[in-house]
PDB file of N, CA and C in Angstrom:
ATOM      1  N   MET A   1      18.199  67.575 168.335  1.00  0.00           N
ATOM      2  CA  MET A   1      19.466  66.924 168.119  1.00  0.00           C
ATOM      3  C   MET A   1      20.229  67.716 167.061  1.00  0.00           C
ATOM      4  N   TYR A   2      21.498  67.954 167.323  1.00  0.00           N
ATOM      5  CA  TYR A   2      22.353  68.704 166.412  1.00  0.00           C
ATOM      6  C   TYR A   2      23.637  67.919 166.184  1.00  0.00           C
ATOM      7  N   VAL A   3      24.088  67.869 164.936  1.00  0.00           N
ATOM      8  CA  VAL A   3      25.354  67.237 164.596  1.00  0.00           C
ATOM      9  C   VAL A   3      26.245  68.341 164.043  1.00  0.00           C
ATOM     10  N   VAL A   4      27.332  68.623 164.754  1.00  0.00           N
ATOM     11  CA  VAL A   4      28.143  69.789 164.423  1.00  0.00           C
ATOM     12  C   VAL A   4      29.640  69.508 164.514  1.00  0.00           C
ATOM     13  N   CYS A   5      30.419  70.432 163.944  1.00  0.00           N
ATOM     14  CA  CYS A   5      31.876  70.374 164.047  1.00  0.00           C
ATOM     15  C   CYS A   5      32.317  71.047 165.352  1.00  0.00           C
ATOM     16  N   LYS A   6      33.601  70.996 165.596  1.00  0.00           N
ATOM     17  CA  LYS A   6      34.147  71.584 166.823  1.00  0.00           C
ATOM     18  C   LYS A   6      33.891  73.090 166.885  1.00  0.00           C
ATOM     19  N   ASP A   7      33.947  73.769 165.746  1.00  0.00           N
ATOM     20  CA  ASP A   7      33.762  75.215 165.717  1.00  0.00           C
ATOM     21  C   ASP A   7      32.332  75.650 166.020  1.00  0.00           C
ATOM     22  N   HIS A   8      31.360  74.775 165.780  1.00  0.00           N
ATOM     23  CA  HIS A   8      29.963  75.161 165.962  1.00  0.00           C
ATOM     24  C   HIS A   8      29.278  74.498 167.155  1.00  0.00           C
ATOM     25  N   VAL A   9      30.029  73.809 167.993  1.00  0.00           N
ATOM     26  CA  VAL A   9      29.417  73.117 169.131  1.00  0.00           C
ATOM     27  C   VAL A   9      28.779  74.107 170.111  1.00  0.00           C
ATOM     28  N   GLU A  10      29.382  75.261 170.319  1.00  0.00           N
ATOM     29  CA  GLU A  10      28.795  76.246 171.240  1.00  0.00           C
ATOM     30  C   GLU A  10      27.460  76.778 170.724  1.00  0.00           C
ATOM     31  N   ILE A  11      27.358  76.971 169.430  1.00  0.00           N
ATOM     32  CA  ILE A  11      26.095  77.431 168.835  1.00  0.00           C
ATOM     33  C   ILE A  11      25.022  76.365 169.028  1.00  0.00           C
ATOM     34  N   ALA A  12      25.383  75.104 168.824  1.00  0.00           N
ATOM     35  CA  ALA A  12      24.425  74.009 168.994  1.00  0.00           C
ATOM     36  C   ALA A  12      23.961  73.911 170.446  1.00  0.00           C
ATOM     37  N   ILE A  13      24.871  74.095 171.384  1.00  0.00           N
ATOM     38  CA  ILE A  13      24.495  74.071 172.804  1.00  0.00           C
ATOM     39  C   ILE A  13      23.516  75.201 173.102  1.00  0.00           C
ATOM     40  N   ASP A  14      23.817  76.405 172.631  1.00  0.00           N
ATOM     41  CA  ASP A  14      22.923  77.546 172.849  1.00  0.00           C
ATOM     42  C   ASP A  14      21.557  77.296 172.239  1.00  0.00           C
ATOM     43  N   ASP A  15      21.514  76.751 171.019  1.00  0.00           N
ATOM     44  CA  ASP A  15      20.237  76.456 170.363  1.00  0.00           C
ATOM     45  C   ASP A  15      19.446  75.423 171.152  1.00  0.00           C
ATOM     46  N   PHE A  16      20.130  74.392 171.638  1.00  0.00           N
ATOM     47  CA  PHE A  16      19.466  73.349 172.419  1.00  0.00           C
ATOM     48  C   PHE A  16      18.859  73.931 173.687  1.00  0.00           C
ATOM     49  N   VAL A  17      19.625  74.735 174.400  1.00  0.00           N
ATOM     50  CA  VAL A  17      19.141  75.338 175.645  1.00  0.00           C
ATOM     51  C   VAL A  17      17.958  76.267 175.363  1.00  0.00           C
ATOM     52  N   ASP A  18      18.012  77.014 174.267  1.00  0.00           N
ATOM     53  CA  ASP A  18      16.900  77.893 173.906  1.00  0.00           C
ATOM     54  C   ASP A  18      15.613  77.109 173.668  1.00  0.00           C
ATOM     55  N   VAL A  19      15.725  75.950 173.036  1.00  0.00           N
ATOM     56  CA  VAL A  19      14.544  75.150 172.701  1.00  0.00           C
ATOM     57  C   VAL A  19      14.051  74.338 173.893  1.00  0.00           C
ATOM     58  N   TYR A  20      14.955  73.645 174.579  1.00  0.00           N
ATOM     59  CA  TYR A  20      14.552  72.682 175.609  1.00  0.00           C
ATOM     60  C   TYR A  20      14.714  73.184 177.042  1.00  0.00           C
ATOM     61  N   GLU A  21      15.359  74.318 177.221  1.00  0.00           N
ATOM     62  CA  GLU A  21      15.549  74.937 178.532  1.00  0.00           C
ATOM     63  C   GLU A  21      16.246  74.012 179.532  1.00  0.00           C
ATOM     64  N   GLU A  22      17.176  73.209 179.026  1.00  0.00           N
ATOM     65  CA  GLU A  22      18.019  72.381 179.881  1.00  0.00           C
ATOM     66  C   GLU A  22      19.328  72.110 179.151  1.00  0.00           C
ATOM     67  N   ALA A  23      20.323  71.699 179.898  1.00  0.00           N
ATOM     68  CA  ALA A  23      21.636  71.438 179.314  1.00  0.00           C
ATOM     69  C   ALA A  23      21.615  70.136 178.506  1.00  0.00           C
ATOM     70  N   PRO A  24      22.269  70.139 177.346  1.00  0.00           N
ATOM     71  CA  PRO A  24      22.291  68.924 176.520  1.00  0.00           C
ATOM     72  C   PRO A  24      23.398  67.964 176.931  1.00  0.00           C
ATOM     73  N   ASP A  25      23.298  66.751 176.430  1.00  0.00           N
ATOM     74  CA  ASP A  25      24.408  65.801 176.486  1.00  0.00           C
ATOM     75  C   ASP A  25      25.199  66.003 175.201  1.00  0.00           C
ATOM     76  N   ILE A  26      26.512  65.880 175.289  1.00  0.00           N
ATOM     77  CA  ILE A  26      27.368  66.051 174.124  1.00  0.00           C
ATOM     78  C   ILE A  26      28.150  64.764 173.921  1.00  0.00           C
ATOM     79  N   VAL A  27      28.012  64.184 172.734  1.00  0.00           N
ATOM     80  CA  VAL A  27      28.645  62.912 172.410  1.00  0.00           C
ATOM     81  C   VAL A  27      29.712  63.158 171.351  1.00  0.00           C
ATOM     82  N   ASP A  28      30.915  62.678 171.603  1.00  0.00           N
ATOM     83  CA  ASP A  28      32.010  62.771 170.641  1.00  0.00           C
ATOM     84  C   ASP A  28      31.834  61.641 169.629  1.00  0.00           C
ATOM     85  N   LEU A  29      31.547  61.992 168.386  1.00  0.00           N
ATOM     86  CA  LEU A  29      31.273  60.991 167.364  1.00  0.00           C
ATOM     87  C   LEU A  29      32.514  60.205 166.941  1.00  0.00           C
ATOM     88  N   GLU A  30      33.688  60.693 167.287  1.00  0.00           N
ATOM     89  CA  GLU A  30      34.908  59.942 166.982  1.00  0.00           C
ATOM     90  C   GLU A  30      35.134  58.816 167.984  1.00  0.00           C
ATOM     91  N   LYS A  31      34.483  58.893 169.136  1.00  0.00           N
ATOM     92  CA  LYS A  31      34.664  57.889 170.184  1.00  0.00           C
ATOM     93  C   LYS A  31      33.445  57.009 170.393  1.00  0.00           C
ATOM     94  N   THR A  32      32.333  57.329 169.731  1.00  0.00           N
ATOM     95  CA  THR A  32      31.085  56.599 169.938  1.00  0.00           C
ATOM     96  C   THR A  32      30.536  56.137 168.590  1.00  0.00           C
ATOM     97  N   HIS A  33      30.045  54.908 168.548  1.00  0.00           N
ATOM     98  CA  HIS A  33      29.443  54.364 167.331  1.00  0.00           C
ATOM     99  C   HIS A  33      28.063  53.840 167.691  1.00  0.00           C
ATOM    100  N   PHE A  34      27.122  53.980 166.769  1.00  0.00           N
ATOM    101  CA  PHE A  34      25.750  53.565 166.997  1.00  0.00           C
ATOM    102  C   PHE A  34      25.425  52.380 166.087  1.00  0.00           C
ATOM    103  N   ALA A  35      24.686  51.429 166.609  1.00  0.00           N
ATOM    104  CA  ALA A  35      24.361  50.221 165.851  1.00  0.00           C
ATOM    105  C   ALA A  35      23.352  50.500 164.732  1.00  0.00           C
ATOM    106  N   ASN A  36      22.365  51.347 164.995  1.00  0.00           N
ATOM    107  CA  ASN A  36      21.279  51.533 164.036  1.00  0.00           C
ATOM    108  C   ASN A  36      21.166  52.938 163.491  1.00  0.00           C
ATOM    109  N   TRP A  37      22.221  53.744 163.595  1.00  0.00           N
ATOM    110  CA  TRP A  37      22.170  55.122 163.116  1.00  0.00           C
ATOM    111  C   TRP A  37      23.539  55.553 162.640  1.00  0.00           C
ATOM    112  N   GLU A  38      23.589  56.091 161.451  1.00  0.00           N
ATOM    113  CA  GLU A  38      24.827  56.627 160.898  1.00  0.00           C
ATOM    114  C   GLU A  38      24.733  58.148 160.930  1.00  0.00           C
ATOM    115  N   PRO A  39      25.585  58.826 161.689  1.00  0.00           N
ATOM    116  CA  PRO A  39      25.499  60.289 161.775  1.00  0.00           C
ATOM    117  C   PRO A  39      25.853  60.947 160.444  1.00  0.00           C
ATOM    118  N   PRO A  40      25.319  62.131 160.201  1.00  0.00           N
ATOM    119  CA  PRO A  40      25.684  62.860 158.988  1.00  0.00           C
ATOM    120  C   PRO A  40      27.193  63.087 158.932  1.00  0.00           C
ATOM    121  N   ALA A  41      27.719  63.180 157.736  1.00  0.00           N
ATOM    122  CA  ALA A  41      29.161  63.346 157.565  1.00  0.00           C
ATOM    123  C   ALA A  41      29.613  64.770 157.806  1.00  0.00           C
ATOM    124  N   HIS A  42      28.698  65.737 157.632  1.00  0.00           N
ATOM    125  CA  HIS A  42      29.072  67.144 157.724  1.00  0.00           C
ATOM    126  C   HIS A  42      28.281  67.882 158.799  1.00  0.00           C
ATOM    127  N   CYS A  43      28.882  68.921 159.302  1.00  0.00           N
ATOM    128  CA  CYS A  43      28.271  69.822 160.281  1.00  0.00           C
ATOM    129  C   CYS A  43      27.009  70.445 159.703  1.00  0.00           C
ATOM    130  N   GLU A  44      26.030  70.704 160.556  1.00  0.00           N
ATOM    131  CA  GLU A  44      24.788  71.356 160.122  1.00  0.00           C
ATOM    132  C   GLU A  44      24.997  72.813 159.718  1.00  0.00           C
ATOM    133  N   HIS A  45      26.103  73.424 160.155  1.00  0.00           N
ATOM    134  CA  HIS A  45      26.346  74.840 159.909  1.00  0.00           C
ATOM    135  C   HIS A  45      27.387  75.110 158.824  1.00  0.00           C
ATOM    136  N   CYS A  46      28.183  74.083 158.474  1.00  0.00           N
ATOM    137  CA  CYS A  46      29.231  74.280 157.460  1.00  0.00           C
ATOM    138  C   CYS A  46      29.553  72.925 156.833  1.00  0.00           C
ATOM    139  N   GLN A  47      30.572  72.879 156.022  1.00  0.00           N
ATOM    140  CA  GLN A  47      30.955  71.635 155.350  1.00  0.00           C
ATOM    141  C   GLN A  47      32.064  70.868 156.065  1.00  0.00           C
ATOM    142  N   ALA A  48      32.422  71.285 157.258  1.00  0.00           N
ATOM    143  CA  ALA A  48      33.432  70.575 158.039  1.00  0.00           C
ATOM    144  C   ALA A  48      32.885  69.222 158.498  1.00  0.00           C
ATOM    145  N   SER A  49      33.769  68.326 158.837  1.00  0.00           N
ATOM    146  CA  SER A  49      33.358  67.005 159.324  1.00  0.00           C
ATOM    147  C   SER A  49      32.595  67.141 160.628  1.00  0.00           C
ATOM    148  N   ALA A  50      31.502  66.387 160.734  1.00  0.00           N
ATOM    149  CA  ALA A  50      30.721  66.366 161.975  1.00  0.00           C
ATOM    150  C   ALA A  50      31.539  65.691 163.062  1.00  0.00           C
ATOM    151  N   ARG A  51      31.580  66.284 164.233  1.00  0.00           N
ATOM    152  CA  ARG A  51      32.392  65.735 165.328  1.00  0.00           C
ATOM    153  C   ARG A  51      31.563  65.467 166.575  1.00  0.00           C
ATOM    154  N   PHE A  52      30.541  66.288 166.828  1.00  0.00           N
ATOM    155  CA  PHE A  52      29.770  66.169 168.066  1.00  0.00           C
ATOM    156  C   PHE A  52      28.277  66.026 167.798  1.00  0.00           C
ATOM    157  N   LEU A  53      27.639  65.227 168.629  1.00  0.00           N
ATOM    158  CA  LEU A  53      26.195  65.090 168.649  1.00  0.00           C
ATOM    159  C   LEU A  53      25.716  65.776 169.915  1.00  0.00           C
ATOM    160  N   VAL A  54      24.850  66.756 169.762  1.00  0.00           N
ATOM    161  CA  VAL A  54      24.310  67.507 170.896  1.00  0.00           C
ATOM    162  C   VAL A  54      22.854  67.099 171.058  1.00  0.00           C
ATOM    163  N   VAL A  55      22.551  66.398 172.155  1.00  0.00           N
ATOM    164  CA  VAL A  55      21.186  65.892 172.400  1.00  0.00           C
ATOM    165  C   VAL A  55      20.735  66.167 173.823  1.00  0.00           C
TER     166      VAL A  55
END
């Protein structure tokens, strides 16, 4: 699972495919809310706001 900004979503997709050898699901964190999980505020690769969950 990767939480990234718009600029790093392609890197997260590539990393996911390298590890799991299948295409990930991409969730827009601005349009989706979770009852029991609060996503990180920042991208895993930089300090920009996290926008996408790649799972």
